[in-house]
């Protein structure tokens, strides 16, 4: 483990402790550490391993049931998982068809499915919005700071998706408008 990973892991644990009720902190730490691992792997390798991503779907449904044992809530989160995966898988297929190359991987679709299992239908748009804004901001700042043309440069979206997933799970959906 790198020193940066250790520091970020401690930050995730402290953040979970501050944002969650005590009985949910262990779950929050495990989720935060899994998302951190996925973010670091994707940033380095441009891939999100199924071995870490896929278990987050049933874990999210189990955590949802543990937190709110209601079949309607569980159904909402299960539907969000399916819609999250489907939306990104369709987006990836459409981009590939239009551009003739990959623009979004199915690992991102699986991570969005996991996010749906944890945050439900109401939180899913916030995850996508926050991830897109974070990715765009970092890319623009990187281009500005280096003077490089960042158009067409591959972007690992997983770190931004993981961060947005984490923030929305801890703090809820973004509320726009009045």
N, C-alpha and C. Protein backbone atom coordinates (compact mmCIF):
# COMPACT_ATOMS: atom_id res chain seq x y z
N UNK A 1 0.85 -1.18 0.00
CA UNK A 1 0.00 0.00 0.00
C UNK A 1 0.89 1.24 0.00
N UNK A 2 0.55 2.16 -0.87
CA UNK A 2 1.32 3.39 -0.95
C UNK A 2 0.95 4.32 0.20
N UNK A 3 1.83 5.25 0.53
CA UNK A 3 1.47 6.22 1.59
C UNK A 3 0.21 7.01 1.24
N UNK A 4 0.05 7.37 -0.04
CA UNK A 4 -1.14 8.11 -0.45
C UNK A 4 -2.40 7.28 -0.21
N UNK A 5 -2.35 6.00 -0.56
CA UNK A 5 -3.51 5.13 -0.36
C UNK A 5 -3.84 5.02 1.13
N UNK A 6 -2.81 4.92 1.96
CA UNK A 6 -3.03 4.83 3.41
C UNK A 6 -3.67 6.11 3.94
N UNK A 7 -3.19 7.25 3.48
CA UNK A 7 -3.76 8.53 3.92
C UNK A 7 -5.21 8.65 3.46
N UNK A 8 -5.47 8.33 2.20
CA UNK A 8 -6.83 8.41 1.68
C UNK A 8 -7.75 7.42 2.38
N UNK A 9 -7.24 6.25 2.73
CA UNK A 9 -8.03 5.28 3.48
C UNK A 9 -8.41 5.81 4.85
N UNK A 10 -7.47 6.49 5.51
CA UNK A 10 -7.75 7.09 6.82
C UNK A 10 -8.76 8.23 6.68
N UNK A 11 -8.65 9.00 5.62
CA UNK A 11 -9.60 10.09 5.36
C UNK A 11 -11.00 9.50 5.15
N UNK A 12 -11.10 8.42 4.38
CA UNK A 12 -12.40 7.79 4.14
C UNK A 12 -13.01 7.30 5.45
N UNK A 13 -12.21 6.70 6.31
CA UNK A 13 -12.72 6.22 7.59
C UNK A 13 -13.18 7.38 8.48
N UNK A 14 -12.40 8.44 8.51
CA UNK A 14 -12.78 9.61 9.32
C UNK A 14 -14.05 10.26 8.77
N UNK A 15 -14.13 10.34 7.46
CA UNK A 15 -15.31 10.93 6.82
C UNK A 15 -16.56 10.11 7.13
N UNK A 16 -16.43 8.79 7.05
CA UNK A 16 -17.55 7.91 7.38
C UNK A 16 -17.96 8.11 8.83
N UNK A 17 -16.99 8.22 9.72
CA UNK A 17 -17.27 8.41 11.16
C UNK A 17 -18.02 9.71 11.42
N UNK A 18 -17.65 10.76 10.68
CA UNK A 18 -18.31 12.05 10.87
C UNK A 18 -19.70 12.10 10.25
N UNK A 19 -19.91 11.37 9.16
CA UNK A 19 -21.16 11.50 8.41
C UNK A 19 -22.23 10.47 8.76
N UNK A 20 -21.84 9.38 9.40
CA UNK A 20 -22.77 8.27 9.59
C UNK A 20 -23.07 8.02 11.07
N UNK A 21 -24.23 7.42 11.34
CA UNK A 21 -24.48 6.97 12.71
C UNK A 21 -23.50 5.85 13.07
N UNK A 22 -23.16 5.72 14.34
CA UNK A 22 -22.13 4.74 14.74
C UNK A 22 -22.36 3.33 14.22
N UNK A 23 -23.59 2.86 14.18
CA UNK A 23 -23.85 1.49 13.75
C UNK A 23 -23.61 1.27 12.27
N UNK A 24 -23.51 2.37 11.49
CA UNK A 24 -23.30 2.26 10.05
C UNK A 24 -21.85 2.56 9.64
N UNK A 25 -21.03 2.99 10.58
CA UNK A 25 -19.63 3.35 10.27
C UNK A 25 -18.84 2.18 9.69
N UNK A 26 -18.92 0.96 10.24
CA UNK A 26 -18.15 -0.13 9.62
C UNK A 26 -18.53 -0.37 8.16
N UNK A 27 -19.80 -0.30 7.85
CA UNK A 27 -20.26 -0.45 6.46
C UNK A 27 -19.70 0.69 5.61
N UNK A 28 -19.77 1.89 6.13
CA UNK A 28 -19.24 3.05 5.41
C UNK A 28 -17.76 2.95 5.15
N UNK A 29 -17.00 2.47 6.13
CA UNK A 29 -15.56 2.29 5.93
C UNK A 29 -15.28 1.27 4.85
N UNK A 30 -15.97 0.14 4.88
CA UNK A 30 -15.75 -0.89 3.87
C UNK A 30 -16.10 -0.38 2.48
N UNK A 31 -17.21 0.34 2.37
CA UNK A 31 -17.58 0.91 1.07
C UNK A 31 -16.53 1.92 0.63
N UNK A 32 -16.15 2.81 1.51
CA UNK A 32 -15.16 3.83 1.16
C UNK A 32 -13.84 3.22 0.72
N UNK A 33 -13.39 2.19 1.41
CA UNK A 33 -12.12 1.55 1.04
C UNK A 33 -12.23 0.82 -0.29
N UNK A 34 -13.37 0.19 -0.54
CA UNK A 34 -13.56 -0.48 -1.83
C UNK A 34 -13.57 0.54 -2.97
N UNK A 35 -14.26 1.65 -2.77
CA UNK A 35 -14.30 2.70 -3.79
C UNK A 35 -12.93 3.33 -4.00
N UNK A 36 -12.19 3.50 -2.92
CA UNK A 36 -10.83 4.03 -3.03
C UNK A 36 -9.95 3.08 -3.84
N UNK A 37 -10.04 1.79 -3.55
CA UNK A 37 -9.25 0.81 -4.31
C UNK A 37 -9.62 0.87 -5.79
N UNK A 38 -10.92 0.92 -6.08
CA UNK A 38 -11.35 1.00 -7.48
C UNK A 38 -10.85 2.27 -8.15
N UNK A 39 -10.91 3.38 -7.46
CA UNK A 39 -10.45 4.65 -8.02
C UNK A 39 -8.95 4.60 -8.33
N UNK A 40 -8.18 4.07 -7.41
CA UNK A 40 -6.73 4.00 -7.61
C UNK A 40 -6.36 3.04 -8.74
N UNK A 41 -7.05 1.92 -8.82
CA UNK A 41 -6.79 0.96 -9.90
C UNK A 41 -7.14 1.58 -11.24
N UNK A 42 -8.31 2.21 -11.33
CA UNK A 42 -8.74 2.79 -12.60
C UNK A 42 -7.83 3.95 -13.01
N UNK A 43 -7.40 4.75 -12.07
CA UNK A 43 -6.50 5.86 -12.39
C UNK A 43 -5.19 5.33 -12.97
N UNK A 44 -4.72 4.20 -12.48
CA UNK A 44 -3.45 3.64 -12.92
C UNK A 44 -3.59 2.77 -14.17
N UNK A 45 -4.65 1.95 -14.22
CA UNK A 45 -4.75 0.92 -15.26
C UNK A 45 -5.90 1.14 -16.26
N UNK A 46 -6.73 2.12 -16.03
CA UNK A 46 -7.91 2.38 -16.87
C UNK A 46 -8.81 1.14 -16.97
N UNK A 47 -9.05 0.54 -15.82
CA UNK A 47 -9.98 -0.59 -15.76
C UNK A 47 -10.52 -0.70 -14.34
N UNK A 48 -11.74 -1.19 -14.24
CA UNK A 48 -12.39 -1.40 -12.95
C UNK A 48 -12.64 -2.90 -12.83
N UNK A 49 -11.89 -3.59 -11.98
CA UNK A 49 -12.01 -5.04 -11.91
C UNK A 49 -13.37 -5.50 -11.35
N UNK A 50 -13.94 -6.48 -12.05
CA UNK A 50 -15.22 -7.05 -11.62
C UNK A 50 -15.16 -7.60 -10.20
N UNK A 51 -14.00 -8.11 -9.81
CA UNK A 51 -13.87 -8.71 -8.48
C UNK A 51 -14.15 -7.71 -7.36
N UNK A 52 -13.94 -6.44 -7.63
CA UNK A 52 -14.26 -5.40 -6.65
C UNK A 52 -15.59 -4.71 -6.94
N UNK A 53 -15.90 -4.55 -8.21
CA UNK A 53 -17.10 -3.79 -8.59
C UNK A 53 -18.38 -4.58 -8.36
N UNK A 54 -18.43 -5.80 -8.88
CA UNK A 54 -19.68 -6.57 -8.84
C UNK A 54 -20.18 -6.88 -7.43
N UNK A 55 -19.31 -7.23 -6.47
CA UNK A 55 -19.83 -7.48 -5.11
C UNK A 55 -20.48 -6.26 -4.46
N UNK A 56 -20.18 -5.07 -4.96
CA UNK A 56 -20.80 -3.87 -4.39
C UNK A 56 -22.29 -3.81 -4.66
N UNK A 57 -22.76 -4.49 -5.71
CA UNK A 57 -24.21 -4.47 -6.00
C UNK A 57 -24.98 -5.21 -4.91
N UNK A 58 -24.71 -6.50 -4.65
CA UNK A 58 -25.46 -7.15 -3.57
C UNK A 58 -25.15 -6.55 -2.19
N UNK A 59 -23.93 -6.06 -2.01
CA UNK A 59 -23.60 -5.41 -0.73
C UNK A 59 -24.45 -4.17 -0.53
N UNK A 60 -24.66 -3.40 -1.60
CA UNK A 60 -25.49 -2.21 -1.50
C UNK A 60 -26.93 -2.54 -1.20
N UNK A 61 -27.43 -3.60 -1.82
CA UNK A 61 -28.81 -4.02 -1.54
C UNK A 61 -28.93 -4.53 -0.11
N UNK A 62 -27.93 -5.26 0.36
CA UNK A 62 -27.95 -5.75 1.74
C UNK A 62 -27.87 -4.59 2.73
N UNK A 63 -27.01 -3.62 2.45
CA UNK A 63 -26.89 -2.45 3.34
C UNK A 63 -28.18 -1.64 3.34
N UNK A 64 -28.80 -1.54 2.19
CA UNK A 64 -30.08 -0.84 2.10
C UNK A 64 -31.12 -1.52 2.96
N UNK A 65 -31.20 -2.84 2.85
CA UNK A 65 -32.18 -3.60 3.64
C UNK A 65 -31.88 -3.49 5.14
N UNK A 66 -30.60 -3.50 5.48
CA UNK A 66 -30.20 -3.41 6.88
C UNK A 66 -30.57 -2.04 7.45
N UNK A 67 -30.36 -0.99 6.63
CA UNK A 67 -30.65 0.37 7.09
C UNK A 67 -32.15 0.65 7.10
N UNK A 68 -32.86 0.21 6.05
CA UNK A 68 -34.30 0.46 5.93
C UNK A 68 -34.96 -0.83 5.43
N UNK A 69 -35.38 -1.70 6.34
CA UNK A 69 -35.96 -2.98 5.91
C UNK A 69 -37.38 -2.82 5.35
N UNK A 70 -37.44 -2.32 4.13
CA UNK A 70 -38.70 -2.03 3.47
C UNK A 70 -38.58 -2.53 2.03
N UNK A 71 -39.51 -3.36 1.58
CA UNK A 71 -39.41 -3.93 0.23
C UNK A 71 -39.52 -2.87 -0.85
N UNK A 72 -40.26 -1.79 -0.63
CA UNK A 72 -40.35 -0.72 -1.63
C UNK A 72 -39.00 -0.02 -1.80
N UNK A 73 -38.32 0.23 -0.69
CA UNK A 73 -37.00 0.86 -0.76
C UNK A 73 -36.01 -0.07 -1.44
N UNK A 74 -36.04 -1.34 -1.08
CA UNK A 74 -35.15 -2.32 -1.71
C UNK A 74 -35.41 -2.41 -3.21
N UNK A 75 -36.67 -2.41 -3.60
CA UNK A 75 -37.03 -2.46 -5.02
C UNK A 75 -36.50 -1.22 -5.75
N UNK A 76 -36.61 -0.06 -5.14
CA UNK A 76 -36.10 1.19 -5.71
C UNK A 76 -34.59 1.09 -5.96
N UNK A 77 -33.86 0.56 -5.00
CA UNK A 77 -32.41 0.45 -5.13
C UNK A 77 -32.02 -0.61 -6.17
N UNK A 78 -32.78 -1.70 -6.22
CA UNK A 78 -32.51 -2.74 -7.23
C UNK A 78 -32.78 -2.18 -8.63
N UNK A 79 -33.86 -1.44 -8.78
CA UNK A 79 -34.17 -0.82 -10.07
C UNK A 79 -33.09 0.19 -10.45
N UNK A 80 -32.61 0.94 -9.48
CA UNK A 80 -31.53 1.91 -9.74
C UNK A 80 -30.27 1.20 -10.22
N UNK A 81 -29.98 0.04 -9.66
CA UNK A 81 -28.81 -0.72 -10.11
C UNK A 81 -28.97 -1.14 -11.57
N UNK A 82 -30.14 -1.64 -11.90
CA UNK A 82 -30.40 -2.08 -13.28
C UNK A 82 -30.35 -0.89 -14.23
N UNK A 83 -31.00 0.20 -13.88
CA UNK A 83 -31.02 1.38 -14.74
C UNK A 83 -29.64 2.04 -14.86
N UNK A 84 -28.89 2.04 -13.77
CA UNK A 84 -27.54 2.60 -13.83
C UNK A 84 -26.67 1.84 -14.81
N UNK A 85 -26.69 0.51 -14.69
CA UNK A 85 -25.91 -0.30 -15.62
C UNK A 85 -26.42 -0.09 -17.04
N UNK A 86 -27.73 -0.18 -17.23
CA UNK A 86 -28.29 -0.06 -18.57
C UNK A 86 -27.99 1.27 -19.23
N UNK A 87 -28.10 2.35 -18.47
CA UNK A 87 -27.85 3.68 -19.04
C UNK A 87 -26.42 3.81 -19.54
N UNK A 88 -25.45 3.41 -18.72
CA UNK A 88 -24.05 3.53 -19.13
C UNK A 88 -23.69 2.52 -20.20
N UNK A 89 -24.27 1.32 -20.16
CA UNK A 89 -23.99 0.32 -21.21
C UNK A 89 -24.52 0.82 -22.56
N UNK A 90 -25.71 1.42 -22.56
CA UNK A 90 -26.26 1.99 -23.79
C UNK A 90 -25.42 3.18 -24.27
N UNK A 91 -24.99 4.01 -23.35
CA UNK A 91 -24.16 5.15 -23.71
C UNK A 91 -22.84 4.66 -24.32
N UNK A 92 -22.25 3.65 -23.72
CA UNK A 92 -20.99 3.09 -24.23
C UNK A 92 -21.18 2.50 -25.63
N UNK A 93 -22.27 1.77 -25.82
CA UNK A 93 -22.54 1.16 -27.13
C UNK A 93 -22.81 2.24 -28.18
N UNK A 94 -23.55 3.26 -27.81
CA UNK A 94 -23.84 4.35 -28.74
C UNK A 94 -22.58 5.10 -29.14
N UNK A 95 -21.72 5.37 -28.18
CA UNK A 95 -20.47 6.07 -28.47
C UNK A 95 -19.60 5.21 -29.40
N UNK A 96 -19.51 3.93 -29.08
CA UNK A 96 -18.70 3.02 -29.90
C UNK A 96 -19.23 2.99 -31.34
N UNK A 97 -20.53 2.97 -31.47
CA UNK A 97 -21.14 2.93 -32.81
C UNK A 97 -20.88 4.23 -33.57
N UNK A 98 -21.01 5.37 -32.89
CA UNK A 98 -20.82 6.66 -33.55
C UNK A 98 -19.35 6.97 -33.85
N UNK A 99 -18.49 6.65 -32.91
CA UNK A 99 -17.08 7.06 -33.02
C UNK A 99 -16.15 5.94 -33.48
N UNK A 100 -16.62 4.70 -33.42
CA UNK A 100 -15.77 3.59 -33.83
C UNK A 100 -14.70 3.22 -32.83
N UNK A 101 -14.83 3.70 -31.61
CA UNK A 101 -13.88 3.37 -30.53
C UNK A 101 -14.60 3.46 -29.20
N UNK A 102 -14.00 2.86 -28.19
CA UNK A 102 -14.61 2.90 -26.86
C UNK A 102 -14.43 4.28 -26.25
N UNK A 103 -15.46 4.73 -25.56
CA UNK A 103 -15.40 6.00 -24.85
C UNK A 103 -15.77 5.85 -23.39
N UNK A 104 -16.43 4.76 -23.07
CA UNK A 104 -16.86 4.47 -21.70
C UNK A 104 -16.83 2.95 -21.57
N UNK A 105 -16.20 2.47 -20.53
CA UNK A 105 -16.09 1.03 -20.36
C UNK A 105 -17.26 0.45 -19.58
N UNK A 106 -17.44 -0.85 -19.73
CA UNK A 106 -18.51 -1.50 -18.97
C UNK A 106 -18.19 -1.56 -17.48
N UNK A 107 -16.93 -1.39 -17.12
CA UNK A 107 -16.60 -1.27 -15.69
C UNK A 107 -17.28 -0.06 -15.07
N UNK A 108 -17.34 1.02 -15.83
CA UNK A 108 -18.05 2.22 -15.37
C UNK A 108 -19.54 1.93 -15.21
N UNK A 109 -20.10 1.15 -16.15
CA UNK A 109 -21.52 0.78 -16.05
C UNK A 109 -21.76 -0.08 -14.81
N UNK A 110 -20.85 -0.99 -14.53
CA UNK A 110 -20.99 -1.84 -13.34
C UNK A 110 -20.85 -1.02 -12.06
N UNK A 111 -19.95 -0.04 -12.08
CA UNK A 111 -19.80 0.82 -10.90
C UNK A 111 -21.04 1.68 -10.70
N UNK A 112 -21.65 2.14 -11.78
CA UNK A 112 -22.89 2.91 -11.65
C UNK A 112 -24.02 2.01 -11.16
N UNK A 113 -24.02 0.75 -11.58
CA UNK A 113 -25.01 -0.20 -11.04
C UNK A 113 -24.83 -0.35 -9.53
N UNK A 114 -23.58 -0.45 -9.11
CA UNK A 114 -23.31 -0.54 -7.67
C UNK A 114 -23.79 0.72 -6.96
N UNK A 115 -23.53 1.87 -7.55
CA UNK A 115 -23.99 3.13 -6.95
C UNK A 115 -25.50 3.12 -6.81
N UNK A 116 -26.19 2.65 -7.85
CA UNK A 116 -27.65 2.58 -7.79
C UNK A 116 -28.13 1.71 -6.65
N UNK A 117 -27.43 0.59 -6.41
CA UNK A 117 -27.81 -0.30 -5.32
C UNK A 117 -27.66 0.38 -3.96
N UNK A 118 -26.73 1.30 -3.85
CA UNK A 118 -26.48 1.99 -2.58
C UNK A 118 -27.29 3.26 -2.42
N UNK A 119 -27.49 4.03 -3.51
CA UNK A 119 -28.12 5.35 -3.37
C UNK A 119 -29.55 5.41 -3.89
N UNK A 120 -30.00 4.41 -4.62
CA UNK A 120 -31.37 4.39 -5.12
C UNK A 120 -31.59 5.31 -6.30
N UNK A 121 -32.83 5.31 -6.78
CA UNK A 121 -33.18 6.10 -7.96
C UNK A 121 -32.98 7.59 -7.74
N UNK A 122 -33.30 8.08 -6.56
CA UNK A 122 -33.18 9.52 -6.30
C UNK A 122 -31.73 9.98 -6.31
N UNK A 123 -30.80 9.13 -5.93
CA UNK A 123 -29.40 9.53 -5.87
C UNK A 123 -28.61 9.32 -7.14
N UNK A 124 -29.11 8.46 -8.02
CA UNK A 124 -28.35 8.10 -9.22
C UNK A 124 -28.02 9.30 -10.12
N UNK A 125 -28.97 10.19 -10.43
CA UNK A 125 -28.61 11.35 -11.26
C UNK A 125 -27.53 12.23 -10.61
N UNK A 126 -27.55 12.34 -9.30
CA UNK A 126 -26.53 13.13 -8.61
C UNK A 126 -25.16 12.50 -8.76
N UNK A 127 -25.09 11.19 -8.71
CA UNK A 127 -23.80 10.50 -8.88
C UNK A 127 -23.24 10.84 -10.26
N UNK A 128 -24.07 10.71 -11.28
CA UNK A 128 -23.60 10.98 -12.65
C UNK A 128 -23.20 12.45 -12.81
N UNK A 129 -24.04 13.36 -12.31
CA UNK A 129 -23.76 14.79 -12.42
C UNK A 129 -22.45 15.16 -11.72
N UNK A 130 -22.29 14.74 -10.47
CA UNK A 130 -21.08 15.09 -9.72
C UNK A 130 -19.84 14.47 -10.34
N UNK A 131 -19.95 13.23 -10.81
CA UNK A 131 -18.80 12.58 -11.45
C UNK A 131 -18.40 13.31 -12.73
N UNK A 132 -19.40 13.67 -13.54
CA UNK A 132 -19.11 14.37 -14.79
C UNK A 132 -18.49 15.74 -14.52
N UNK A 133 -19.03 16.46 -13.55
CA UNK A 133 -18.48 17.79 -13.23
C UNK A 133 -17.06 17.68 -12.68
N UNK A 134 -16.81 16.70 -11.83
CA UNK A 134 -15.47 16.52 -11.27
C UNK A 134 -14.48 16.14 -12.36
N UNK A 135 -14.86 15.19 -13.22
CA UNK A 135 -13.98 14.79 -14.31
C UNK A 135 -13.68 15.94 -15.25
N UNK A 136 -14.70 16.71 -15.58
CA UNK A 136 -14.52 17.86 -16.46
C UNK A 136 -13.60 18.90 -15.81
N UNK A 137 -13.84 19.21 -14.54
CA UNK A 137 -13.04 20.22 -13.85
C UNK A 137 -11.57 19.81 -13.78
N UNK A 138 -11.31 18.56 -13.40
CA UNK A 138 -9.92 18.10 -13.30
C UNK A 138 -9.26 18.12 -14.68
N UNK A 139 -9.97 17.70 -15.70
CA UNK A 139 -9.41 17.69 -17.05
C UNK A 139 -9.09 19.10 -17.52
N UNK A 140 -10.01 20.03 -17.29
CA UNK A 140 -9.76 21.42 -17.70
C UNK A 140 -8.60 22.04 -16.95
N UNK A 141 -8.52 21.80 -15.65
CA UNK A 141 -7.41 22.34 -14.85
C UNK A 141 -6.10 21.71 -15.30
N UNK A 142 -6.11 20.40 -15.55
CA UNK A 142 -4.89 19.73 -16.02
C UNK A 142 -4.44 20.32 -17.36
N UNK A 143 -5.38 20.54 -18.26
CA UNK A 143 -5.04 21.14 -19.55
C UNK A 143 -4.51 22.55 -19.40
N UNK A 144 -5.15 23.32 -18.55
CA UNK A 144 -4.72 24.70 -18.31
C UNK A 144 -3.33 24.74 -17.67
N UNK A 145 -3.11 23.87 -16.66
CA UNK A 145 -1.84 23.87 -15.92
C UNK A 145 -0.67 23.41 -16.79
N UNK A 146 -0.93 22.47 -17.68
CA UNK A 146 0.16 21.93 -18.49
C UNK A 146 0.25 22.58 -19.86
N UNK A 147 -0.80 23.30 -20.24
CA UNK A 147 -0.83 23.89 -21.57
C UNK A 147 -1.09 22.87 -22.66
N UNK A 148 -1.43 21.66 -22.28
CA UNK A 148 -1.66 20.58 -23.24
C UNK A 148 -3.09 20.61 -23.76
N UNK A 149 -3.26 20.12 -24.96
CA UNK A 149 -4.59 19.94 -25.53
C UNK A 149 -5.13 18.62 -24.98
N UNK A 150 -6.15 18.69 -24.16
CA UNK A 150 -6.66 17.49 -23.49
C UNK A 150 -7.77 16.80 -24.27
N UNK A 151 -8.15 17.38 -25.41
CA UNK A 151 -9.17 16.73 -26.24
C UNK A 151 -8.61 15.40 -26.76
N UNK A 152 -9.42 14.36 -26.61
CA UNK A 152 -9.02 13.05 -27.11
C UNK A 152 -8.10 12.28 -26.18
N UNK A 153 -7.67 12.89 -25.08
CA UNK A 153 -6.82 12.18 -24.12
C UNK A 153 -7.71 11.27 -23.28
N UNK A 154 -7.37 9.98 -23.17
CA UNK A 154 -8.20 9.06 -22.38
C UNK A 154 -8.32 9.52 -20.92
N UNK A 155 -9.52 9.41 -20.41
CA UNK A 155 -9.82 9.81 -19.04
C UNK A 155 -10.35 8.60 -18.28
N UNK A 156 -9.74 8.27 -17.19
CA UNK A 156 -10.28 7.23 -16.32
C UNK A 156 -11.45 7.86 -15.55
N UNK A 157 -12.66 7.44 -15.86
CA UNK A 157 -13.85 8.02 -15.24
C UNK A 157 -14.15 7.41 -13.87
N UNK A 158 -13.62 6.22 -13.61
CA UNK A 158 -13.89 5.52 -12.36
C UNK A 158 -13.59 6.32 -11.10
N UNK A 159 -12.44 7.02 -11.03
CA UNK A 159 -12.18 7.79 -9.80
C UNK A 159 -13.25 8.85 -9.52
N UNK A 160 -13.73 9.50 -10.55
CA UNK A 160 -14.76 10.52 -10.37
C UNK A 160 -16.11 9.89 -10.02
N UNK A 161 -16.39 8.78 -10.65
CA UNK A 161 -17.62 8.05 -10.36
C UNK A 161 -17.60 7.52 -8.92
N UNK A 162 -16.46 6.99 -8.50
CA UNK A 162 -16.33 6.46 -7.14
C UNK A 162 -16.49 7.58 -6.11
N UNK A 163 -15.85 8.72 -6.35
CA UNK A 163 -15.97 9.84 -5.41
C UNK A 163 -17.41 10.34 -5.34
N UNK A 164 -18.05 10.50 -6.48
CA UNK A 164 -19.43 10.98 -6.49
C UNK A 164 -20.36 9.99 -5.80
N UNK A 165 -20.17 8.71 -6.05
CA UNK A 165 -20.93 7.63 -5.39
C UNK A 165 -20.79 7.77 -3.89
N UNK A 166 -19.57 7.92 -3.41
CA UNK A 166 -19.28 8.03 -1.99
C UNK A 166 -19.96 9.26 -1.37
N UNK A 167 -19.83 10.40 -2.02
CA UNK A 167 -20.41 11.64 -1.51
C UNK A 167 -21.93 11.55 -1.45
N UNK A 168 -22.55 11.03 -2.50
CA UNK A 168 -24.01 10.93 -2.52
C UNK A 168 -24.49 9.92 -1.49
N UNK A 169 -23.78 8.81 -1.31
CA UNK A 169 -24.21 7.84 -0.30
C UNK A 169 -24.10 8.46 1.11
N UNK A 170 -23.04 9.18 1.36
CA UNK A 170 -22.86 9.78 2.69
C UNK A 170 -23.80 10.96 2.95
N UNK A 171 -24.04 11.78 1.92
CA UNK A 171 -24.71 13.06 2.16
C UNK A 171 -26.03 13.26 1.41
N UNK A 172 -26.37 12.33 0.55
CA UNK A 172 -27.65 12.42 -0.16
C UNK A 172 -27.51 13.09 -1.51
N UNK A 173 -28.61 13.06 -2.22
CA UNK A 173 -28.66 13.59 -3.59
C UNK A 173 -28.50 15.11 -3.61
N UNK A 174 -27.98 15.60 -4.71
CA UNK A 174 -27.87 17.04 -4.93
C UNK A 174 -29.26 17.56 -5.24
N UNK A 175 -29.63 18.65 -4.61
CA UNK A 175 -30.93 19.27 -4.87
C UNK A 175 -30.72 20.53 -5.69
N UNK A 176 -31.24 20.50 -6.91
CA UNK A 176 -31.14 21.65 -7.79
C UNK A 176 -32.47 22.38 -7.82
N UNK A 177 -32.42 23.66 -7.94
CA UNK A 177 -33.65 24.45 -8.02
C UNK A 177 -34.29 24.64 -6.66
N UNK A 178 -35.51 25.10 -6.67
CA UNK A 178 -36.17 25.42 -5.41
C UNK A 178 -37.40 24.71 -5.29
